[in-house]
């Protein structure tokens, strides 16, 4: 795990016109200037300023933390009150100098106290960042990962975890670990998905503070208690570390992309460490059944994309694969040619079984979303089944060379057909592995079935993210299939394997245009 950043000290100094050499000076302050300023620096600082966003956030956090600590009393309920007094008028005269005072209590140290909310310098930028992350990023992700079409992947579409997300955001007001980890998650998500990154408060700024808060929580947490908020905090650290250290995700943020390529990649290792800690917390609490489904599904996604990037077996045990997708809710789909030719090839038994399940799943999911009727339990099962299929495709070891090409191309198809930026961007990591697998299978010879080669080359070339590997696939299509590469029968031929025209049609059209420009 990356080392924790050193927290700078906060000093209070008089804002007088003092002579640095120690001479006598006027002691009065100018009327429009504060009596003290805070200097937020450490021994490595070379200049003094209070204009940086991170410094302002730290100063506000320090001030309000001290205010809250001083306001706390021994009564449990009193941590949510503040006290002040005002003069009480009486009809009697008294020789006492002090008049009677009334004690009044008001809200404090909670969401209704505006001072409490400044602990992380919540401002308009943070609010906009959170709105983007959860109104768009998270909502679209969970819809798309249930294989929803692009027409459903919108901000105004209902999503089954909206209540859990709202509770999470409310909880951030009183949970420091959850707040900082959520801000780290949001800052990073907004950066790689929208290309908007706050240079003054990058993800690492919030990660550092979240790490400290999570460690404190772990020291004071009962091992057998299920704590959704602690689990979400650890998950957020895991996925944020993965995102920050994965270069291909940052193509929409060029400066960050170049910096990530140049730096050693420690994000995957840190993400694995956090994911392992999360699994221990879950096991100690009695398993995933003790936690909100939002927590389980979030952890599965982090594990899946980390495993895809490293091309390793996922670490979250596959105990959540739904047995049935509730077929009674959906009318039988019309027969299609999807995968028909693929299943006629000689395949290993394990690969054939998972390919049959992929074809059945895609047909069912397309029929469900086309029906217009929505059921929360079905969408949960659609989400879990898609992730389980990916897990199963990542699991096989020691496959035949041709089977390995089919396995990687099937994974690429699933990522390309999942309708959001994160999934389609991740396909970029797989095509480099597919290129190597094709070379090992001697794709230019009769050792690899020609129709399998055709499907592999076209599926990889349809990935949405530009890369040298995608250019290689374009060249191979030109070499082996020109001038037929622009023939209308390409789509018909692809349908016999794994191809969805309503989801990949635009990708194929873009590919055809690029092939035409190469002639």
Protein backbone atom coordinates (compact mmCIF):
# COMPACT_ATOMS: atom_id res chain seq x y z
CA UNK A 1 0.00 0.00 0.00
CA UNK A 2 1.40 3.42 -0.83
CA UNK A 3 2.80 5.26 2.13
CA UNK A 4 0.56 7.81 3.80
CA UNK A 5 1.36 11.44 3.06
CA UNK A 6 2.64 13.55 5.95
CA UNK A 7 0.02 15.90 7.36
CA UNK A 8 1.36 19.47 7.52
CA UNK A 9 1.18 21.39 10.76
CA UNK A 10 -1.11 24.37 11.35
CA UNK A 11 0.38 27.38 13.09
CA UNK A 12 -1.40 30.52 14.29
CA UNK A 13 0.72 33.66 13.96
CA UNK A 14 -0.03 37.30 14.64
CA UNK A 15 -0.78 39.31 11.52
CA UNK A 16 1.16 42.38 12.66
CA UNK A 17 3.76 44.38 10.82
CA UNK A 18 6.51 42.76 12.82
CA UNK A 19 10.10 43.17 11.79
CA UNK A 20 11.70 39.82 11.01
CA UNK A 21 14.88 41.09 12.68
CA UNK A 22 13.06 41.64 15.95
CA UNK A 23 12.90 45.45 16.12
CA UNK A 24 10.11 47.25 17.96
CA UNK A 25 6.94 47.64 15.94
CA UNK A 26 3.45 49.08 16.33
CA UNK A 27 1.27 46.52 18.10
CA UNK A 28 -2.12 47.68 16.78
CA UNK A 29 -3.81 45.83 13.88
CA UNK A 30 -5.28 47.42 10.82
CA UNK A 31 -9.09 47.46 11.27
CA UNK A 32 -9.90 45.52 8.09
CA UNK A 33 -7.44 42.67 8.67
CA UNK A 34 -7.95 39.58 10.87
CA UNK A 35 -5.96 39.36 14.06
CA UNK A 36 -4.47 36.00 13.19
CA UNK A 37 -3.84 34.01 10.07
CA UNK A 38 -3.20 30.30 9.73
CA UNK A 39 -0.07 29.11 8.00
CA UNK A 40 -0.52 25.54 6.81
CA UNK A 41 3.02 24.37 6.10
CA UNK A 42 5.63 21.79 6.99
CA UNK A 43 9.42 21.75 6.98
CA UNK A 44 9.58 21.12 3.21
CA UNK A 45 7.59 24.23 2.27
CA UNK A 46 9.37 26.94 0.27
CA UNK A 47 6.68 29.64 0.31
CA UNK A 48 3.83 30.77 2.50
CA UNK A 49 0.33 31.14 1.17
CA UNK A 50 -3.21 30.50 2.26
CA UNK A 51 -4.63 30.58 -1.29
CA UNK A 52 -4.44 26.89 -2.10
CA UNK A 53 -7.70 24.93 -1.97
CA UNK A 54 -6.14 22.04 -0.08
CA UNK A 55 -4.76 24.43 2.53
CA UNK A 56 -8.10 26.13 3.03
CA UNK A 57 -9.76 22.74 3.42
CA UNK A 58 -7.21 21.66 6.03
CA UNK A 59 -7.54 24.90 7.98
CA UNK A 60 -11.33 24.69 8.02
CA UNK A 61 -11.14 21.06 9.09
CA UNK A 62 -8.77 21.98 11.94
CA UNK A 63 -10.87 24.90 13.16
CA UNK A 64 -14.19 23.06 13.12
CA UNK A 65 -12.74 19.91 14.66
CA UNK A 66 -11.43 21.95 17.59
CA UNK A 67 -14.77 23.73 17.90
CA UNK A 68 -16.67 20.44 18.01
CA UNK A 69 -14.27 18.86 20.48
CA UNK A 70 -14.70 21.82 22.82
CA UNK A 71 -18.49 21.70 22.53
CA UNK A 72 -18.90 18.04 23.44
CA UNK A 73 -20.19 17.08 26.90
CA UNK A 74 -20.65 13.81 28.73
CA UNK A 75 -24.33 13.45 27.81
CA UNK A 76 -24.74 11.39 24.60
CA UNK A 77 -27.53 13.61 23.31
CA UNK A 78 -25.60 16.80 23.89
CA UNK A 79 -23.25 16.15 20.98
CA UNK A 80 -26.12 17.28 18.77
CA UNK A 81 -26.69 20.61 20.57
CA UNK A 82 -24.94 23.91 21.07
CA UNK A 83 -25.51 26.34 23.93
CA UNK A 84 -25.86 30.08 24.14
CA UNK A 85 -27.49 32.52 26.58
CA UNK A 86 -29.48 35.73 26.42
CA UNK A 87 -30.64 38.22 29.01
CA UNK A 88 -33.96 37.66 30.82
CA UNK A 89 -36.07 40.68 31.71
CA UNK A 90 -37.58 40.71 35.23
CA UNK A 91 -40.00 42.97 37.10
CA UNK A 92 -37.78 43.24 40.14
CA UNK A 93 -34.71 45.31 40.66
CA UNK A 94 -31.50 43.80 41.84
CA UNK A 95 -28.24 45.14 43.06
CA UNK A 96 -26.40 42.30 41.30
CA UNK A 97 -24.29 43.35 38.36
CA UNK A 98 -25.20 40.22 36.41
CA UNK A 99 -28.73 39.66 35.20
CA UNK A 100 -30.35 36.20 35.02
CA UNK A 101 -29.39 34.23 31.93
CA UNK A 102 -31.46 31.61 30.09
CA UNK A 103 -29.78 28.55 28.60
CA UNK A 104 -30.83 27.69 25.06
CA UNK A 105 -29.80 24.61 23.14
CA UNK A 106 -29.66 24.31 19.35
CA UNK A 107 -28.55 21.83 16.71
CA UNK A 108 -24.82 21.27 16.43
CA UNK A 109 -22.35 18.70 15.08
CA UNK A 110 -24.81 17.25 12.58
CA UNK A 111 -26.21 17.91 9.13
CA UNK A 112 -28.23 20.93 10.27
CA UNK A 113 -25.15 22.66 11.66
CA UNK A 114 -23.48 24.59 8.80
CA UNK A 115 -20.14 24.65 10.61
CA UNK A 116 -20.00 20.89 10.82
CA UNK A 117 -20.31 20.56 7.05
CA UNK A 118 -17.12 22.52 6.51
CA UNK A 119 -14.97 19.65 7.76
CA UNK A 120 -14.04 18.82 4.15
CA UNK A 121 -14.64 22.30 2.76
CA UNK A 122 -17.82 21.21 1.00
CA UNK A 123 -18.30 23.82 -1.72
CA UNK A 124 -20.06 24.19 -5.04
CA UNK A 125 -17.29 22.24 -6.78
CA UNK A 126 -17.64 19.27 -4.43
CA UNK A 127 -21.42 19.28 -4.75
CA UNK A 128 -21.17 19.31 -8.56
CA UNK A 129 -18.63 16.49 -8.39
CA UNK A 130 -20.91 14.36 -6.20
CA UNK A 131 -23.93 15.03 -8.42
CA UNK A 132 -22.03 13.94 -11.51
CA UNK A 133 -20.65 10.82 -9.83
CA UNK A 134 -23.92 9.51 -8.43
CA UNK A 135 -26.53 11.04 -10.74
CA UNK A 136 -24.64 9.95 -13.83
CA UNK A 137 -21.60 7.79 -13.16
CA UNK A 138 -22.95 5.31 -10.60
CA UNK A 139 -26.50 5.19 -11.93
CA UNK A 140 -25.40 4.59 -15.52
CA UNK A 141 -22.90 1.96 -14.41
CA UNK A 142 -25.41 -0.22 -12.56
CA UNK A 143 -27.94 0.03 -15.39
CA UNK A 144 -25.40 -0.79 -18.09
CA UNK A 145 -23.87 -3.64 -16.08
CA UNK A 146 -27.33 -5.26 -16.10
CA UNK A 147 -27.02 -5.17 -19.92
CA UNK A 148 -29.46 -2.30 -20.35
CA UNK A 149 -29.48 -0.74 -23.84
CA UNK A 150 -28.28 2.82 -24.38
CA UNK A 151 -31.89 4.09 -24.43
CA UNK A 152 -32.18 3.14 -20.73
CA UNK A 153 -28.73 4.31 -19.67
CA UNK A 154 -29.83 7.86 -18.82
CA UNK A 155 -29.95 10.10 -15.77
CA UNK A 156 -33.75 10.03 -15.57
CA UNK A 157 -34.00 6.22 -15.54
CA UNK A 158 -34.79 4.64 -12.18
CA UNK A 159 -32.08 2.46 -10.71
CA UNK A 160 -32.45 -0.09 -7.91
CA UNK A 161 -29.71 1.37 -5.66
CA UNK A 162 -30.88 4.98 -5.56
CA UNK A 163 -32.05 4.71 -1.94
CA UNK A 164 -28.71 3.23 -0.81
CA UNK A 165 -26.79 5.97 -2.64
CA UNK A 166 -28.89 8.70 -1.01
CA UNK A 167 -28.27 7.17 2.42
CA UNK A 168 -24.57 7.05 1.65
CA UNK A 169 -24.43 10.75 0.82
CA UNK A 170 -26.39 11.67 3.95
CA UNK A 171 -24.12 9.51 6.09
CA UNK A 172 -21.06 11.39 4.81
CA UNK A 173 -22.06 14.35 7.00
CA UNK A 174 -21.22 12.45 10.20
CA UNK A 175 -18.81 9.76 8.98
CA UNK A 176 -15.34 11.12 8.25
CA UNK A 177 -14.00 7.89 6.72
CA UNK A 178 -16.97 7.56 4.38
CA UNK A 179 -16.88 11.26 3.51
CA UNK A 180 -13.23 11.39 2.47
CA UNK A 181 -13.35 8.04 0.65
CA UNK A 182 -16.49 9.15 -1.21
CA UNK A 183 -14.82 12.42 -2.21
CA UNK A 184 -11.76 10.48 -3.41
CA UNK A 185 -14.04 8.15 -5.39
CA UNK A 186 -15.98 11.08 -6.86
CA UNK A 187 -12.91 13.15 -7.75
CA UNK A 188 -11.37 10.22 -9.59
CA UNK A 189 -14.62 9.17 -11.30
CA UNK A 190 -15.26 12.67 -12.59
CA UNK A 191 -11.68 12.80 -13.85
CA UNK A 192 -11.56 9.66 -15.97
CA UNK A 193 -15.21 9.65 -17.08
CA UNK A 194 -15.63 13.35 -17.90
CA UNK A 195 -12.05 14.62 -18.12
CA UNK A 196 -12.64 17.10 -15.27
CA UNK A 197 -9.99 16.99 -12.54
CA UNK A 198 -9.42 19.52 -9.76
CA UNK A 199 -5.66 20.03 -9.69
CA UNK A 200 -5.84 21.65 -6.24
CA UNK A 201 -7.68 18.69 -4.73
CA UNK A 202 -6.84 15.61 -6.80
CA UNK A 203 -7.94 12.11 -5.73
CA UNK A 204 -4.69 11.58 -3.81
CA UNK A 205 -5.54 14.47 -1.48
CA UNK A 206 -8.74 12.75 -0.36
CA UNK A 207 -7.19 9.25 -0.42
CA UNK A 208 -4.62 10.33 2.16
CA UNK A 209 -7.28 11.60 4.55
CA UNK A 210 -9.56 8.61 3.92
CA UNK A 211 -6.75 6.17 4.74
CA UNK A 212 -6.17 7.79 8.11
CA UNK A 213 -9.87 7.82 8.97
CA UNK A 214 -10.41 4.20 7.88
CA UNK A 215 -7.46 3.00 9.96
CA UNK A 216 -8.91 4.71 13.03
CA UNK A 217 -12.29 3.09 12.36
CA UNK A 218 -10.76 -0.36 11.97
CA UNK A 219 -9.05 -0.02 15.35
CA UNK A 220 -12.38 0.69 17.07
CA UNK A 221 -14.68 -1.62 15.11
CA UNK A 222 -16.07 -4.83 16.55
CA UNK A 223 -15.00 -7.69 14.31
CA UNK A 224 -18.42 -9.37 14.19
CA UNK A 225 -20.42 -6.24 13.44
CA UNK A 226 -21.63 -5.62 9.87
CA UNK A 227 -20.81 -2.02 9.02
CA UNK A 228 -21.97 -1.02 5.53
CA UNK A 229 -20.33 2.40 5.80
CA UNK A 230 -16.93 1.04 6.75
CA UNK A 231 -17.18 -1.53 3.94
CA UNK A 232 -18.12 1.20 1.45
CA UNK A 233 -15.17 3.30 2.62
CA UNK A 234 -12.72 0.45 2.03
CA UNK A 235 -14.31 -0.37 -1.34
CA UNK A 236 -14.02 3.29 -2.40
CA UNK A 237 -10.33 3.26 -1.54
CA UNK A 238 -9.83 0.06 -3.56
CA UNK A 239 -11.54 1.27 -6.73
CA UNK A 240 -9.99 4.74 -6.48
CA UNK A 241 -6.48 3.31 -6.18
CA UNK A 242 -7.21 1.13 -9.22
CA UNK A 243 -8.52 4.06 -11.25
CA UNK A 244 -5.66 6.42 -10.36
CA UNK A 245 -3.03 3.87 -11.40
CA UNK A 246 -4.63 2.67 -14.67
CA UNK A 247 -3.37 4.79 -17.61
CA UNK A 248 -5.88 3.75 -20.28
CA UNK A 249 -8.77 5.14 -18.21
CA UNK A 250 -7.38 8.68 -18.41
CA UNK A 251 -7.50 9.30 -22.16
CA UNK A 252 -10.08 12.06 -21.57
CA UNK A 253 -7.64 13.80 -19.23
CA UNK A 254 -4.39 14.01 -21.27
CA UNK A 255 -2.12 15.48 -18.59
CA UNK A 256 -3.11 12.82 -16.10
CA UNK A 257 -2.80 10.13 -18.78
CA UNK A 258 0.82 11.08 -19.54
CA UNK A 259 1.69 11.35 -15.85
CA UNK A 260 0.19 7.92 -15.12
CA UNK A 261 2.15 6.30 -17.95
CA UNK A 262 5.41 7.82 -16.71
CA UNK A 263 4.91 6.82 -13.07
CA UNK A 264 5.37 3.27 -11.75
CA UNK A 265 2.00 1.54 -11.48
CA UNK A 266 1.30 0.78 -7.81
CA UNK A 267 -2.47 1.25 -8.07
CA UNK A 268 -3.28 -2.40 -8.75
CA UNK A 269 -1.25 -3.56 -5.75
CA UNK A 270 -2.88 -1.01 -3.45
CA UNK A 271 -6.33 -1.91 -4.80
CA UNK A 272 -5.67 -5.60 -4.12
CA UNK A 273 -4.63 -4.77 -0.56
CA UNK A 274 -7.80 -2.78 0.10
CA UNK A 275 -9.97 -5.44 -1.54
CA UNK A 276 -8.41 -8.09 0.70
CA UNK A 277 -9.14 -5.95 3.76
CA UNK A 278 -12.75 -5.57 2.59
CA UNK A 279 -13.18 -9.34 2.25
CA UNK A 280 -11.85 -9.86 5.79
CA UNK A 281 -14.32 -7.30 7.15
CA UNK A 282 -17.16 -9.08 5.31
CA UNK A 283 -16.08 -12.55 6.46
CA UNK A 284 -15.77 -11.41 10.08
CA UNK A 285 -19.29 -9.97 9.93
CA UNK A 286 -20.83 -13.20 8.64
CA UNK A 287 -20.70 -12.85 4.85
CA UNK A 288 -22.33 -10.74 2.16
CA UNK A 289 -25.84 -11.53 3.38
CA UNK A 290 -25.20 -9.15 6.28
CA UNK A 291 -24.58 -6.22 3.94
CA UNK A 292 -26.65 -4.13 1.57
CA UNK A 293 -26.75 -5.52 -2.02
CA UNK A 294 -25.29 -2.20 -3.18
CA UNK A 295 -22.14 -3.07 -1.26
CA UNK A 296 -21.84 -6.53 -2.82
CA UNK A 297 -22.42 -5.32 -6.37
CA UNK A 298 -19.90 -2.50 -5.95
CA UNK A 299 -17.24 -4.90 -4.70
CA UNK A 300 -17.91 -7.30 -7.59
CA UNK A 301 -17.35 -4.54 -10.14
CA UNK A 302 -14.07 -3.48 -8.53
CA UNK A 303 -12.89 -7.08 -8.44
CA UNK A 304 -13.97 -7.75 -12.03
CA UNK A 305 -12.21 -4.80 -13.62
CA UNK A 306 -9.08 -5.32 -11.57
CA UNK A 307 -9.04 -8.97 -12.68
CA UNK A 308 -9.62 -8.01 -16.33
CA UNK A 309 -6.76 -5.51 -16.26
CA UNK A 310 -4.33 -8.02 -14.76
CA UNK A 311 -6.00 -10.97 -16.53
CA UNK A 312 -6.14 -12.92 -13.29
CA UNK A 313 -8.82 -14.90 -11.52
CA UNK A 314 -11.08 -12.61 -9.40
CA UNK A 315 -10.76 -12.87 -5.62
CA UNK A 316 -14.40 -12.39 -4.55
CA UNK A 317 -15.79 -15.96 -4.21
CA UNK A 318 -18.46 -16.76 -6.82
CA UNK A 319 -21.23 -17.57 -4.32
CA UNK A 320 -23.76 -15.07 -5.70
CA UNK A 321 -24.36 -16.42 -9.23
CA UNK A 322 -28.18 -16.47 -9.66
CA UNK A 323 -29.53 -19.90 -10.60
CA UNK A 324 -32.44 -18.50 -12.59
CA UNK A 325 -33.16 -15.23 -14.37
CA UNK A 326 -36.92 -15.59 -13.72
CA UNK A 327 -37.83 -16.49 -17.33
CA UNK A 328 -41.56 -16.39 -16.53
CA UNK A 329 -41.46 -12.59 -16.54
CA UNK A 330 -40.30 -12.37 -20.16
CA UNK A 331 -41.90 -13.81 -23.26
CA UNK A 332 -39.75 -16.23 -25.21
CA UNK A 333 -37.46 -14.34 -27.55
CA UNK A 334 -37.63 -15.03 -31.26
CA UNK A 335 -34.91 -17.43 -32.42
CA UNK A 336 -31.72 -15.67 -33.48
CA UNK A 337 -28.49 -16.68 -35.16
CA UNK A 338 -26.45 -15.32 -32.26
CA UNK A 339 -23.59 -17.75 -31.62
CA UNK A 340 -25.05 -20.41 -33.92
CA UNK A 341 -21.85 -20.92 -35.92
CA UNK A 342 -19.64 -20.53 -32.87
CA UNK A 343 -21.16 -23.55 -31.14
CA UNK A 344 -20.46 -25.76 -34.17
CA UNK A 345 -16.70 -25.45 -33.59
CA UNK A 346 -14.60 -27.90 -31.63
CA UNK A 347 -14.40 -26.46 -28.11
CA UNK A 348 -13.39 -27.64 -24.66
CA UNK A 349 -16.35 -28.68 -22.49
CA UNK A 350 -15.92 -25.87 -19.95
CA UNK A 351 -15.68 -23.22 -22.64
CA UNK A 352 -18.68 -24.61 -24.52
CA UNK A 353 -20.84 -24.50 -21.38
CA UNK A 354 -19.98 -20.89 -20.60
CA UNK A 355 -20.50 -19.86 -24.25
CA UNK A 356 -23.95 -21.44 -24.21
CA UNK A 357 -24.75 -19.47 -21.05
CA UNK A 358 -23.46 -16.24 -22.63
CA UNK A 359 -25.72 -16.72 -25.66
CA UNK A 360 -28.75 -17.55 -23.47
CA UNK A 361 -28.06 -14.56 -21.24
CA UNK A 362 -27.75 -12.08 -24.11
CA UNK A 363 -30.98 -13.32 -25.73
CA UNK A 364 -32.85 -13.10 -22.42
CA UNK A 365 -31.45 -9.67 -21.48
CA UNK A 366 -32.33 -8.21 -24.88
CA UNK A 367 -35.87 -9.58 -24.60
CA UNK A 368 -36.30 -8.25 -21.05
CA UNK A 369 -35.22 -4.69 -21.81
CA UNK A 370 -37.29 -4.68 -25.01
CA UNK A 371 -40.44 -5.68 -23.11
CA UNK A 372 -40.77 -2.30 -21.37
CA UNK A 373 -41.69 -3.98 -18.05
CA UNK A 374 -39.20 -3.59 -15.22
CA UNK A 375 -38.67 -5.75 -12.13
CA UNK A 376 -35.99 -4.96 -9.57
CA UNK A 377 -35.21 -8.59 -8.78
CA UNK A 378 -34.74 -9.43 -12.47
CA UNK A 379 -32.37 -6.51 -12.98
CA UNK A 380 -30.39 -7.61 -9.94
CA UNK A 381 -30.10 -11.10 -11.44
CA UNK A 382 -29.17 -9.67 -14.85
CA UNK A 383 -26.39 -7.70 -13.19
CA UNK A 384 -25.09 -10.65 -11.18
CA UNK A 385 -25.29 -13.08 -14.09
CA UNK A 386 -23.27 -10.82 -16.40
CA UNK A 387 -20.54 -10.49 -13.77
CA UNK A 388 -20.62 -14.25 -13.11
CA UNK A 389 -20.12 -14.96 -16.83
CA UNK A 390 -17.07 -12.71 -16.83
CA UNK A 391 -15.73 -14.48 -13.73
CA UNK A 392 -16.20 -17.86 -15.41
CA UNK A 393 -14.44 -16.71 -18.59
CA UNK A 394 -11.48 -15.49 -16.54
CA UNK A 395 -11.22 -18.71 -14.55
CA UNK A 396 -10.10 -21.39 -17.10
CA UNK A 397 -6.42 -22.25 -17.13
CA UNK A 398 -4.29 -24.11 -19.70
CA UNK A 399 -6.75 -23.71 -22.57
CA UNK A 400 -5.95 -24.74 -26.10
CA UNK A 401 -4.58 -21.83 -28.11
CA UNK A 402 -7.69 -21.51 -30.28
CA UNK A 403 -9.95 -21.75 -27.21
CA UNK A 404 -7.97 -18.97 -25.56
CA UNK A 405 -8.58 -16.73 -28.59
CA UNK A 406 -12.32 -17.46 -28.39
CA UNK A 407 -12.37 -16.83 -24.63
CA UNK A 408 -10.69 -13.41 -24.92
CA UNK A 409 -12.84 -12.38 -27.90
CA UNK A 410 -15.99 -13.30 -25.96
CA UNK A 411 -14.87 -11.10 -23.08
CA UNK A 412 -14.17 -8.29 -25.55
CA UNK A 413 -17.64 -8.70 -27.04
CA UNK A 414 -19.29 -8.44 -23.60
CA UNK A 415 -17.33 -5.29 -22.76
CA UNK A 416 -18.06 -3.69 -26.15
CA UNK A 417 -21.78 -4.48 -25.87
CA UNK A 418 -22.10 -3.06 -22.34
CA UNK A 419 -23.32 0.48 -22.89
CA UNK A 420 -21.09 2.81 -20.93
CA UNK A 421 -17.64 4.32 -21.13
CA UNK A 422 -16.00 2.31 -18.34
CA UNK A 423 -16.75 -1.09 -19.85
CA UNK A 424 -15.88 -0.16 -23.42
CA UNK A 425 -12.65 1.50 -22.32
CA UNK A 426 -11.61 -1.66 -20.46
CA UNK A 427 -11.85 -3.63 -23.71
CA UNK A 428 -8.65 -1.86 -24.70
CA UNK A 429 -6.64 -3.94 -22.22
CA UNK A 430 -7.96 -7.19 -23.67
CA UNK A 431 -7.10 -6.64 -27.33
CA UNK A 432 -3.38 -6.58 -26.56
CA UNK A 433 -3.82 -10.02 -24.97
CA UNK A 434 -5.91 -11.17 -27.93
CA UNK A 435 -3.19 -10.05 -30.31
CA UNK A 436 -0.65 -12.16 -28.43
CA UNK A 437 -3.05 -15.13 -28.27
CA UNK A 438 -3.62 -14.99 -32.04
CA UNK A 439 0.11 -14.95 -32.69
CA UNK A 440 0.59 -17.96 -30.41
CA UNK A 441 -2.25 -19.73 -32.28
CA UNK A 442 -0.53 -18.98 -35.62
CA UNK A 443 -3.64 -17.23 -36.91
CA UNK A 444 -2.15 -16.82 -40.39
CA UNK A 445 -2.07 -20.58 -40.89
CA UNK A 446 -4.64 -23.36 -41.07
CA UNK A 447 -4.08 -24.09 -37.38
CA UNK A 448 -6.79 -21.51 -36.55
CA UNK A 449 -10.22 -21.76 -38.14
CA UNK A 450 -10.59 -18.97 -40.72
CA UNK A 451 -14.06 -17.91 -39.52
CA UNK A 452 -12.79 -17.69 -35.93
CA UNK A 453 -9.95 -15.50 -37.16
CA UNK A 454 -12.47 -13.28 -38.97
CA UNK A 455 -14.60 -12.83 -35.85
CA UNK A 456 -11.58 -12.19 -33.59
CA UNK A 457 -10.07 -9.55 -35.87
CA UNK A 458 -13.30 -7.63 -36.39
CA UNK A 459 -14.39 -7.74 -32.74
CA UNK A 460 -11.05 -6.37 -31.56
CA UNK A 461 -10.97 -3.69 -34.26
CA UNK A 462 -14.41 -2.44 -33.16
CA UNK A 463 -13.19 -1.36 -29.71
CA UNK A 464 -13.92 2.32 -29.12
CA UNK A 465 -10.56 3.42 -27.72
CA UNK A 466 -7.68 4.15 -30.09
CA UNK A 467 -4.46 2.23 -29.44
CA UNK A 468 -1.53 0.70 -31.35
CA UNK A 469 -3.08 -2.73 -30.84
CA UNK A 470 -6.32 -1.66 -32.50
CA UNK A 471 -4.31 -0.30 -35.43
CA UNK A 472 -2.66 -3.71 -35.74
CA UNK A 473 -6.06 -5.39 -36.05
CA UNK A 474 -7.07 -2.89 -38.73
CA UNK A 475 -3.96 -3.78 -40.71
CA UNK A 476 -4.66 -7.51 -40.35
CA UNK A 477 -8.20 -7.05 -41.68
CA UNK A 478 -6.78 -5.14 -44.64
CA UNK A 479 -4.25 -7.87 -45.30
CA UNK A 480 -6.55 -10.89 -45.09
CA UNK A 481 -9.96 -9.58 -46.10
CA UNK A 482 -9.48 -6.65 -48.50
CA UNK A 483 -11.40 -5.82 -50.69
CA UNK A 484 -14.15 -7.91 -49.04
CA UNK A 485 -13.56 -5.98 -45.80
CA UNK A 486 -16.14 -3.39 -46.91
CA UNK A 487 -18.73 -5.91 -48.05
CA UNK A 488 -22.21 -5.70 -46.53
CA UNK A 489 -22.02 -9.43 -45.68
CA UNK A 490 -19.56 -8.68 -42.87
CA UNK A 491 -22.40 -8.01 -40.42
CA UNK A 492 -24.29 -11.14 -41.45
CA UNK A 493 -21.20 -13.23 -40.93
CA UNK A 494 -20.49 -11.72 -37.51
CA UNK A 495 -24.02 -12.51 -36.30
CA UNK A 496 -23.27 -16.22 -36.51
CA UNK A 497 -20.74 -15.69 -33.73
CA UNK A 498 -21.21 -12.97 -31.08
CA UNK A 499 -22.39 -9.62 -32.44
CA UNK A 500 -25.35 -7.35 -31.62
CA UNK A 501 -26.17 -4.90 -34.39
CA UNK A 502 -28.23 -2.58 -32.16
CA UNK A 503 -25.29 -2.17 -29.75
CA UNK A 504 -22.28 -2.67 -32.01
CA UNK A 505 -23.69 -1.36 -35.28
CA UNK A 506 -22.21 2.11 -34.75
CA UNK A 507 -18.86 0.55 -33.83
CA UNK A 508 -18.90 -1.49 -37.03
CA UNK A 509 -19.82 1.57 -39.13
CA UNK A 510 -16.89 3.48 -37.64
CA UNK A 511 -14.62 0.55 -38.41
CA UNK A 512 -15.82 0.41 -42.02
CA UNK A 513 -15.11 4.11 -42.45
CA UNK A 514 -11.57 3.65 -41.16
CA UNK A 515 -11.01 0.69 -43.47
CA UNK A 516 -12.26 2.75 -46.42
CA UNK A 517 -9.81 5.53 -45.57
CA UNK A 518 -6.92 3.04 -45.67
CA UNK A 519 -7.57 1.99 -49.27
